[in-house]
Amino acid sequence: MFSELMDAIRENVSVLTLLAEALCLLDMIVNSFAQMISTKPVDRYVRPEFTENGPMAIDSGRHPILESIHDDFIANNLFLSEAANMVIVTGPNMSGKSTYLQQVCLIVILAQVGCYVPARFSTLRVVDRLFTRMGAVDNLESNSSTFMTEMKETAFIMQNVTERSLIVMDELGRATSSSDGFAMAWSCCEHLLSLKAYTIFATHMENLSQLAPIYPNVKILHFHVDLKNNHIDFKVVPLRILFLCWDDYLRTEILLYLVST
């Protein structure tokens, strides 16, 4: 009997190894987050709700790692639906755009692996894939410049995205000229809008805001920065206008503060 059991194990050792690795990973994820959640106040993490074709709504969402490092982390909201399936995020450097994108991705991943999420309320549509295009690095091994790497990753997204995917893009087109980058970003947005895929698109290109009056399912979020008592205050505000004009004096004060610190 023992020899027969060993023979059966040998025949399926590769499958058993993969199963053990998957169970270890699941145990690590669930237990580590369960431990983290158990040490937080009751209302800091919530059980997410799921819908088949409903909206993706996150109330007071937070970055699960950064909020444990910074006591003054500012929570932000997100709402995506079939009627408003694209959010364009604008704002100055270091205003929190990339952090906002990352926290949305982490909340979606945590929810779909069965964990509680750092938010006051969360209802999500189950996504089949989560595509991200973030960062600006070249790849010497594949002889790809920063622009080529960006193009390859963007092409992969456009070829594999479905209407049930979540796409997160951070400053697409910054690795080339402003005119070429704007044309590329605009065309990608129009393609994603035609698919009705949920999309969050962070950019410094103010002209992308012109998508809003053309496509009613495009919403604009702006990360606003104020300088109060020698402290930079970040806020997220929905824009109902085409452009947001900065006061030149405020812009100068913020730049001087960043340089001096």
C-alpha atoms as a PDB file:
ATOM      1  CA  MET A   1       0.000   0.000   0.000  1.00  0.00           C
ATOM      2  CA  PHE A   2       2.782   2.420   0.902  1.00  0.00           C
ATOM      3  CA  SER A   3       4.644   1.783  -2.338  1.00  0.00           C
ATOM      4  CA  GLU A   4       1.456   2.312  -4.359  1.00  0.00           C
ATOM      5  CA  LEU A   5       0.855   5.587  -2.557  1.00  0.00           C
ATOM      6  CA  MET A   6       4.405   6.758  -3.298  1.00  0.00           C
ATOM      7  CA  ASP A   7       4.012   5.835  -6.961  1.00  0.00           C
ATOM      8  CA  ALA A   8       0.797   7.863  -7.179  1.00  0.00           C
ATOM      9  CA  ILE A   9       2.494  10.845  -5.530  1.00  0.00           C
ATOM     10  CA  ARG A  10       5.476  10.647  -7.901  1.00  0.00           C
ATOM     11  CA  GLU A  11       3.168  10.706 -10.919  1.00  0.00           C
ATOM     12  CA  ASN A  12       1.510  13.919  -9.703  1.00  0.00           C
ATOM     13  CA  VAL A  13       4.382  15.584  -7.876  1.00  0.00           C
ATOM     14  CA  SER A  14       4.412  18.634 -10.203  1.00  0.00           C
ATOM     15  CA  VAL A  15       0.704  19.271  -9.638  1.00  0.00           C
ATOM     16  CA  LEU A  16       1.061  18.826  -5.879  1.00  0.00           C
ATOM     17  CA  THR A  17       3.991  21.242  -5.826  1.00  0.00           C
ATOM     18  CA  LEU A  18       1.964  23.923  -7.621  1.00  0.00           C
ATOM     19  CA  LEU A  19      -0.951  23.308  -5.279  1.00  0.00           C
ATOM     20  CA  ALA A  20       1.288  23.697  -2.232  1.00  0.00           C
ATOM     21  CA  GLU A  21       2.718  26.961  -3.571  1.00  0.00           C
ATOM     22  CA  ALA A  22      -0.774  28.329  -4.266  1.00  0.00           C
ATOM     23  CA  LEU A  23      -1.982  27.393  -0.782  1.00  0.00           C
ATOM     24  CA  CYS A  24       1.088  29.002   0.817  1.00  0.00           C
ATOM     25  CA  LEU A  25       0.530  32.213  -1.141  1.00  0.00           C
ATOM     26  CA  LEU A  26      -3.161  32.292  -0.251  1.00  0.00           C
ATOM     27  CA  ASP A  27      -2.392  31.616   3.407  1.00  0.00           C
ATOM     28  CA  MET A  28       0.170  34.413   3.446  1.00  0.00           C
ATOM     29  CA  ILE A  29      -2.171  36.926   1.816  1.00  0.00           C
ATOM     30  CA  VAL A  30      -5.236  36.112   3.880  1.00  0.00           C
ATOM     31  CA  ASN A  31      -3.469  35.767   7.228  1.00  0.00           C
ATOM     32  CA  SER A  32      -1.256  38.827   6.820  1.00  0.00           C
ATOM     33  CA  PHE A  33      -4.164  41.055   5.861  1.00  0.00           C
ATOM     34  CA  ALA A  34      -6.366  39.489   8.513  1.00  0.00           C
ATOM     35  CA  GLN A  35      -3.723  40.379  11.095  1.00  0.00           C
ATOM     36  CA  MET A  36      -3.453  43.922   9.739  1.00  0.00           C
ATOM     37  CA  ILE A  37      -7.216  44.416   9.690  1.00  0.00           C
ATOM     38  CA  SER A  38      -7.643  43.048  13.214  1.00  0.00           C
ATOM     39  CA  THR A  39      -5.334  45.773  14.554  1.00  0.00           C
ATOM     40  CA  LYS A  40      -7.287  48.603  12.877  1.00  0.00           C
ATOM     41  CA  PRO A  41     -10.442  50.321  14.152  1.00  0.00           C
ATOM     42  CA  VAL A  42     -13.650  48.599  13.104  1.00  0.00           C
ATOM     43  CA  ASP A  43     -14.670  51.203  10.525  1.00  0.00           C
ATOM     44  CA  ARG A  44     -11.281  51.408   8.780  1.00  0.00           C
ATOM     45  CA  TYR A  45     -11.716  48.281   6.639  1.00  0.00           C
ATOM     46  CA  VAL A  46     -15.006  47.123   5.117  1.00  0.00           C
ATOM     47  CA  ARG A  47     -16.288  44.053   3.350  1.00  0.00           C
ATOM     48  CA  PRO A  48     -16.645  44.931  -0.348  1.00  0.00           C
ATOM     49  CA  GLU A  49     -19.851  44.284  -2.255  1.00  0.00           C
ATOM     50  CA  PHE A  50     -19.882  42.858  -5.771  1.00  0.00           C
ATOM     51  CA  THR A  51     -22.269  43.328  -8.683  1.00  0.00           C
ATOM     52  CA  GLU A  52     -22.423  41.739 -12.121  1.00  0.00           C
ATOM     53  CA  ASN A  53     -22.777  44.891 -14.213  1.00  0.00           C
ATOM     54  CA  GLY A  54     -23.030  47.629 -11.624  1.00  0.00           C
ATOM     55  CA  PRO A  55     -20.759  50.561 -10.904  1.00  0.00           C
ATOM     56  CA  MET A  56     -17.353  50.628  -9.251  1.00  0.00           C
ATOM     57  CA  ALA A  57     -17.812  52.887  -6.254  1.00  0.00           C
ATOM     58  CA  ILE A  58     -15.207  53.473  -3.535  1.00  0.00           C
ATOM     59  CA  ASP A  59     -15.975  55.880  -0.715  1.00  0.00           C
ATOM     60  CA  SER A  60     -12.980  57.228   1.219  1.00  0.00           C
ATOM     61  CA  GLY A  61     -10.549  54.722  -0.263  1.00  0.00           C
ATOM     62  CA  ARG A  62      -6.998  54.638   1.073  1.00  0.00           C
ATOM     63  CA  HIS A  63      -3.662  53.116   0.134  1.00  0.00           C
ATOM     64  CA  PRO A  64      -3.284  50.087   2.459  1.00  0.00           C
ATOM     65  CA  ILE A  65       0.481  50.529   2.859  1.00  0.00           C
ATOM     66  CA  LEU A  66       0.976  54.291   2.810  1.00  0.00           C
ATOM     67  CA  GLU A  67      -1.771  54.937   5.333  1.00  0.00           C
ATOM     68  CA  SER A  68       0.181  52.898   7.890  1.00  0.00           C
ATOM     69  CA  ILE A  69       3.243  55.086   7.245  1.00  0.00           C
ATOM     70  CA  HIS A  70       1.612  58.516   7.098  1.00  0.00           C
ATOM     71  CA  ASP A  71      -0.904  59.470   9.771  1.00  0.00           C
ATOM     72  CA  ASP A  72      -2.305  62.319   7.677  1.00  0.00           C
ATOM     73  CA  PHE A  73      -3.092  60.223   4.578  1.00  0.00           C
ATOM     74  CA  ILE A  74      -6.023  61.760   2.688  1.00  0.00           C
ATOM     75  CA  ALA A  75      -8.781  59.367   1.581  1.00  0.00           C
ATOM     76  CA  ASN A  76     -10.308  59.740  -1.889  1.00  0.00           C
ATOM     77  CA  ASN A  77     -13.407  58.550  -3.727  1.00  0.00           C
ATOM     78  CA  LEU A  78     -13.952  56.838  -7.064  1.00  0.00           C
ATOM     79  CA  PHE A  79     -17.072  56.234  -9.140  1.00  0.00           C
ATOM     80  CA  LEU A  80     -17.134  54.431 -12.475  1.00  0.00           C
ATOM     81  CA  SER A  81     -20.210  53.163 -14.312  1.00  0.00           C
ATOM     82  CA  GLU A  82     -21.390  52.401 -17.814  1.00  0.00           C
ATOM     83  CA  ALA A  83     -22.581  56.000 -18.050  1.00  0.00           C
ATOM     84  CA  ALA A  84     -19.234  57.345 -16.786  1.00  0.00           C
ATOM     85  CA  ASN A  85     -16.661  54.670 -17.547  1.00  0.00           C
ATOM     86  CA  MET A  86     -13.576  56.900 -17.875  1.00  0.00           C
ATOM     87  CA  VAL A  87     -12.006  59.190 -15.293  1.00  0.00           C
ATOM     88  CA  ILE A  88      -9.202  61.529 -16.356  1.00  0.00           C
ATOM     89  CA  VAL A  89      -7.062  62.538 -13.389  1.00  0.00           C
ATOM     90  CA  THR A  90      -5.112  65.794 -13.628  1.00  0.00           C
ATOM     91  CA  GLY A  91      -2.980  67.733 -11.214  1.00  0.00           C
ATOM     92  CA  PRO A  92       0.572  68.958 -10.548  1.00  0.00           C
ATOM     93  CA  ASN A  93       3.549  66.758  -9.760  1.00  0.00           C
ATOM     94  CA  MET A  94       3.529  65.138  -6.300  1.00  0.00           C
ATOM     95  CA  SER A  95      -0.173  65.885  -5.855  1.00  0.00           C
ATOM     96  CA  GLY A  96      -0.993  62.181  -5.439  1.00  0.00           C
ATOM     97  CA  LYS A  97      -2.160  61.060  -8.883  1.00  0.00           C
ATOM     98  CA  SER A  98       0.006  57.912  -9.016  1.00  0.00           C
ATOM     99  CA  THR A  99      -0.831  57.034  -5.408  1.00  0.00           C
ATOM    100  CA  TYR A 100      -4.514  57.362  -6.265  1.00  0.00           C
ATOM    101  CA  LEU A 101      -4.143  54.948  -9.194  1.00  0.00           C
ATOM    102  CA  GLN A 102      -2.182  52.456  -7.126  1.00  0.00           C
ATOM    103  CA  GLN A 103      -4.663  52.474  -4.256  1.00  0.00           C
ATOM    104  CA  VAL A 104      -7.546  51.734  -6.643  1.00  0.00           C
ATOM    105  CA  CYS A 105      -5.628  48.765  -8.079  1.00  0.00           C
ATOM    106  CA  LEU A 106      -4.804  47.436  -4.619  1.00  0.00           C
ATOM    107  CA  ILE A 107      -8.406  47.780  -3.440  1.00  0.00           C
ATOM    108  CA  VAL A 108      -9.670  45.855  -6.475  1.00  0.00           C
ATOM    109  CA  ILE A 109      -7.076  43.096  -6.018  1.00  0.00           C
ATOM    110  CA  LEU A 110      -7.740  42.797  -2.282  1.00  0.00           C
ATOM    111  CA  ALA A 111     -11.475  42.598  -2.891  1.00  0.00           C
ATOM    112  CA  GLN A 112     -11.236  39.905  -5.546  1.00  0.00           C
ATOM    113  CA  VAL A 113      -8.941  37.673  -3.466  1.00  0.00           C
ATOM    114  CA  GLY A 114     -11.436  37.842  -0.610  1.00  0.00           C
ATOM    115  CA  CYS A 115      -9.949  40.476   1.707  1.00  0.00           C
ATOM    116  CA  TYR A 116     -11.543  43.461   3.352  1.00  0.00           C
ATOM    117  CA  VAL A 117     -10.582  46.770   1.756  1.00  0.00           C
ATOM    118  CA  PRO A 118      -9.382  50.123   3.201  1.00  0.00           C
ATOM    119  CA  ALA A 119     -12.460  52.243   2.561  1.00  0.00           C
ATOM    120  CA  ARG A 120     -15.656  53.458   4.196  1.00  0.00           C
ATOM    121  CA  PHE A 121     -17.760  51.710   1.535  1.00  0.00           C
ATOM    122  CA  SER A 122     -16.960  49.767  -1.610  1.00  0.00           C
ATOM    123  CA  THR A 123     -19.042  48.142  -4.321  1.00  0.00           C
ATOM    124  CA  LEU A 124     -17.181  46.668  -7.270  1.00  0.00           C
ATOM    125  CA  ARG A 125     -17.852  45.016 -10.580  1.00  0.00           C
ATOM    126  CA  VAL A 126     -15.748  41.888 -10.949  1.00  0.00           C
ATOM    127  CA  VAL A 127     -13.063  42.527 -13.569  1.00  0.00           C
ATOM    128  CA  ASP A 128     -11.627  39.843 -15.811  1.00  0.00           C
ATOM    129  CA  ARG A 129      -8.259  41.584 -16.105  1.00  0.00           C
ATOM    130  CA  LEU A 130      -6.465  44.519 -14.539  1.00  0.00           C
ATOM    131  CA  PHE A 131      -4.177  46.350 -16.958  1.00  0.00           C
ATOM    132  CA  THR A 132      -1.691  48.976 -15.789  1.00  0.00           C
ATOM    133  CA  ARG A 133       0.664  51.244 -17.717  1.00  0.00           C
ATOM    134  CA  MET A 134       2.715  53.045 -15.104  1.00  0.00           C
ATOM    135  CA  GLY A 135       6.287  54.203 -14.772  1.00  0.00           C
ATOM    136  CA  ALA A 136       8.854  55.335 -17.332  1.00  0.00           C
ATOM    137  CA  VAL A 137      11.835  52.990 -17.680  1.00  0.00           C
ATOM    138  CA  ASP A 138      13.791  51.575 -20.583  1.00  0.00           C
ATOM    139  CA  ASN A 139      14.712  47.923 -21.103  1.00  0.00           C
ATOM    140  CA  LEU A 140      18.322  47.411 -22.122  1.00  0.00           C
ATOM    141  CA  GLU A 141      17.972  43.627 -22.335  1.00  0.00           C
ATOM    142  CA  SER A 142      15.365  43.856 -25.085  1.00  0.00           C
ATOM    143  CA  ASN A 143      16.992  46.925 -26.667  1.00  0.00           C
ATOM    144  CA  SER A 144      13.860  48.994 -25.973  1.00  0.00           C
ATOM    145  CA  SER A 145      13.894  52.688 -25.179  1.00  0.00           C
ATOM    146  CA  THR A 146      11.476  54.228 -22.715  1.00  0.00           C
ATOM    147  CA  PHE A 147       9.147  55.129 -25.577  1.00  0.00           C
ATOM    148  CA  MET A 148       9.350  51.651 -27.137  1.00  0.00           C
ATOM    149  CA  THR A 149       8.638  50.002 -23.780  1.00  0.00           C
ATOM    150  CA  GLU A 150       5.639  52.280 -23.347  1.00  0.00           C
ATOM    151  CA  MET A 151       4.393  51.410 -26.841  1.00  0.00           C
ATOM    152  CA  LYS A 152       4.744  47.663 -26.311  1.00  0.00           C
ATOM    153  CA  GLU A 153       2.846  47.750 -23.028  1.00  0.00           C
ATOM    154  CA  THR A 154       0.128  49.977 -24.503  1.00  0.00           C
ATOM    155  CA  ALA A 155      -0.228  47.741 -27.568  1.00  0.00           C
ATOM    156  CA  PHE A 156      -0.607  44.690 -25.332  1.00  0.00           C
ATOM    157  CA  ILE A 157      -3.389  46.420 -23.401  1.00  0.00           C
ATOM    158  CA  MET A 158      -5.247  47.508 -26.536  1.00  0.00           C
ATOM    159  CA  GLN A 159      -5.052  44.022 -28.048  1.00  0.00           C
ATOM    160  CA  ASN A 160      -6.274  42.166 -24.950  1.00  0.00           C
ATOM    161  CA  VAL A 161      -8.679  44.528 -23.191  1.00  0.00           C
ATOM    162  CA  THR A 162     -12.368  43.649 -22.905  1.00  0.00           C
ATOM    163  CA  GLU A 163     -15.391  45.612 -21.750  1.00  0.00           C
ATOM    164  CA  ARG A 164     -15.065  43.975 -18.311  1.00  0.00           C
ATOM    165  CA  SER A 165     -11.433  44.974 -17.812  1.00  0.00           C
ATOM    166  CA  LEU A 166     -10.067  47.730 -15.589  1.00  0.00           C
ATOM    167  CA  ILE A 167      -7.397  49.884 -17.229  1.00  0.00           C
ATOM    168  CA  VAL A 168      -5.136  52.187 -15.241  1.00  0.00           C
ATOM    169  CA  MET A 169      -2.739  54.438 -17.143  1.00  0.00           C
ATOM    170  CA  ASP A 170      -0.316  56.949 -15.697  1.00  0.00           C
ATOM    171  CA  GLU A 171       0.926  59.745 -17.987  1.00  0.00           C
ATOM    172  CA  LEU A 172       0.783  57.833 -21.260  1.00  0.00           C
ATOM    173  CA  GLY A 173       2.823  59.558 -23.970  1.00  0.00           C
ATOM    174  CA  ARG A 174       5.315  61.392 -21.786  1.00  0.00           C
ATOM    175  CA  ALA A 175       8.283  59.518 -23.308  1.00  0.00           C
ATOM    176  CA  THR A 176       7.997  61.327 -26.652  1.00  0.00           C
ATOM    177  CA  SER A 177       7.192  64.792 -27.971  1.00  0.00           C
ATOM    178  CA  SER A 178       4.170  66.598 -26.552  1.00  0.00           C
ATOM    179  CA  SER A 179       2.267  66.549 -29.852  1.00  0.00           C
ATOM    180  CA  ASP A 180       2.906  62.858 -30.525  1.00  0.00           C
ATOM    181  CA  GLY A 181       2.194  61.941 -26.918  1.00  0.00           C
ATOM    182  CA  PHE A 182      -1.080  63.853 -26.947  1.00  0.00           C
ATOM    183  CA  ALA A 183      -2.193  62.185 -30.189  1.00  0.00           C
ATOM    184  CA  MET A 184      -1.371  58.756 -28.781  1.00  0.00           C
ATOM    185  CA  ALA A 185      -3.149  59.414 -25.484  1.00  0.00           C
ATOM    186  CA  TRP A 186      -6.230  60.805 -27.230  1.00  0.00           C
ATOM    187  CA  SER A 187      -6.533  57.845 -29.620  1.00  0.00           C
ATOM    188  CA  CYS A 188      -6.110  55.324 -26.790  1.00  0.00           C
ATOM    189  CA  CYS A 189      -8.818  57.069 -24.763  1.00  0.00           C
ATOM    190  CA  GLU A 190     -11.218  57.019 -27.707  1.00  0.00           C
ATOM    191  CA  HIS A 191     -10.581  53.298 -28.275  1.00  0.00           C
ATOM    192  CA  LEU A 192     -11.184  52.474 -24.614  1.00  0.00           C
ATOM    193  CA  LEU A 193     -14.341  54.592 -24.605  1.00  0.00           C
ATOM    194  CA  SER A 194     -15.701  52.591 -27.525  1.00  0.00           C
ATOM    195  CA  LEU A 195     -15.230  49.383 -25.517  1.00  0.00           C
ATOM    196  CA  LYS A 196     -17.030  50.760 -22.433  1.00  0.00           C
ATOM    197  CA  ALA A 197     -14.134  49.457 -20.312  1.00  0.00           C
ATOM    198  CA  TYR A 198     -13.604  51.086 -16.921  1.00  0.00           C
ATOM    199  CA  THR A 199     -10.572  53.352 -17.291  1.00  0.00           C
ATOM    200  CA  ILE A 200      -8.596  55.669 -15.004  1.00  0.00           C
ATOM    201  CA  PHE A 201      -6.196  57.889 -16.935  1.00  0.00           C
ATOM    202  CA  ALA A 202      -3.753  60.212 -15.155  1.00  0.00           C
ATOM    203  CA  THR A 203      -2.111  62.912 -17.235  1.00  0.00           C
ATOM    204  CA  HIS A 204      -0.454  66.324 -17.300  1.00  0.00           C
ATOM    205  CA  MET A 205      -1.956  67.032 -20.743  1.00  0.00           C
ATOM    206  CA  GLU A 206      -4.685  69.575 -20.059  1.00  0.00           C
ATOM    207  CA  ASN A 207      -5.987  69.215 -23.627  1.00  0.00           C
ATOM    208  CA  LEU A 208      -7.238  65.722 -22.787  1.00  0.00           C
ATOM    209  CA  SER A 209      -9.936  67.480 -20.774  1.00  0.00           C
ATOM    210  CA  GLN A 210     -11.527  68.317 -24.129  1.00  0.00           C
ATOM    211  CA  LEU A 211     -12.742  64.709 -24.241  1.00  0.00           C
ATOM    212  CA  ALA A 212     -15.341  65.568 -21.587  1.00  0.00           C
ATOM    213  CA  PRO A 213     -17.590  67.829 -23.715  1.00  0.00           C
ATOM    214  CA  ILE A 214     -17.328  65.380 -26.648  1.00  0.00           C
ATOM    215  CA  TYR A 215     -17.987  62.171 -24.711  1.00  0.00           C
ATOM    216  CA  PRO A 216     -20.515  62.429 -21.861  1.00  0.00           C
ATOM    217  CA  ASN A 217     -19.090  59.286 -20.207  1.00  0.00           C
ATOM    218  CA  VAL A 218     -15.770  61.049 -19.464  1.00  0.00           C
ATOM    219  CA  LYS A 219     -15.354  62.640 -16.045  1.00  0.00           C
ATOM    220  CA  ILE A 220     -12.491  64.871 -14.890  1.00  0.00           C
ATOM    221  CA  LEU A 221     -10.868  64.746 -11.449  1.00  0.00           C
ATOM    222  CA  HIS A 222      -8.284  67.321 -10.451  1.00  0.00           C
ATOM    223  CA  PHE A 223      -5.830  67.005  -7.583  1.00  0.00           C
ATOM    224  CA  HIS A 224      -5.772  70.525  -6.214  1.00  0.00           C
ATOM    225  CA  VAL A 225      -2.854  71.858  -4.182  1.00  0.00           C
ATOM    226  CA  ASP A 226      -2.991  74.694  -1.664  1.00  0.00           C
ATOM    227  CA  LEU A 227      -0.166  76.209   0.362  1.00  0.00           C
ATOM    228  CA  LYS A 228      -1.398  76.885   3.905  1.00  0.00           C
ATOM    229  CA  ASN A 229       0.837  77.826   6.813  1.00  0.00           C
ATOM    230  CA  ASN A 230       3.942  76.570   5.034  1.00  0.00           C
ATOM    231  CA  HIS A 231       2.252  73.236   4.386  1.00  0.00           C
ATOM    232  CA  ILE A 232       1.067  71.762   1.087  1.00  0.00           C
ATOM    233  CA  ASP A 233      -2.567  70.678   1.279  1.00  0.00           C
ATOM    234  CA  PHE A 234      -3.826  68.176  -1.323  1.00  0.00           C
ATOM    235  CA  LYS A 235      -7.455  67.855  -2.358  1.00  0.00           C
ATOM    236  CA  VAL A 236      -9.348  65.990  -5.068  1.00  0.00           C
ATOM    237  CA  VAL A 237     -12.078  68.013  -6.711  1.00  0.00           C
ATOM    238  CA  PRO A 238     -14.362  67.103  -9.656  1.00  0.00           C
ATOM    239  CA  LEU A 239     -14.071  69.590 -12.494  1.00  0.00           C
ATOM    240  CA  ARG A 240     -17.180  70.900 -14.189  1.00  0.00           C
ATOM    241  CA  ILE A 241     -15.192  73.278 -16.387  1.00  0.00           C
ATOM    242  CA  LEU A 242     -12.869  72.578 -19.267  1.00  0.00           C
ATOM    243  CA  PHE A 243      -9.705  73.944 -17.717  1.00  0.00           C
ATOM    244  CA  LEU A 244      -8.552  74.951 -14.260  1.00  0.00           C
ATOM    245  CA  CYS A 245      -6.418  78.090 -14.229  1.00  0.00           C
ATOM    246  CA  TRP A 246      -3.742  78.333 -11.582  1.00  0.00           C
ATOM    247  CA  ASP A 247      -2.934  81.592  -9.936  1.00  0.00           C
ATOM    248  CA  ASP A 248       0.638  82.512 -10.911  1.00  0.00           C
ATOM    249  CA  TYR A 249       1.485  83.633  -7.383  1.00  0.00           C
ATOM    250  CA  LEU A 250       0.278  80.348  -5.871  1.00  0.00           C
ATOM    251  CA  ARG A 251       2.212  78.349  -8.460  1.00  0.00           C
ATOM    252  CA  THR A 252       5.400  80.260  -7.612  1.00  0.00           C
ATOM    253  CA  GLU A 253       4.904  79.813  -3.853  1.00  0.00           C
ATOM    254  CA  ILE A 254       4.426  76.040  -4.192  1.00  0.00           C
ATOM    255  CA  LEU A 255       7.470  75.646  -6.430  1.00  0.00           C
ATOM    256  CA  LEU A 256       9.631  77.644  -4.017  1.00  0.00           C
ATOM    257  CA  TYR A 257       8.388  75.502  -1.121  1.00  0.00           C
ATOM    258  CA  LEU A 258       9.249  72.258  -2.946  1.00  0.00           C
ATOM    259  CA  VAL A 259      12.726  73.525  -3.844  1.00  0.00           C
ATOM    260  CA  SER A 260      13.430  74.721  -0.296  1.00  0.00           C
ATOM    261  CA  THR A 261      12.407  71.359   1.242  1.00  0.00           C
END
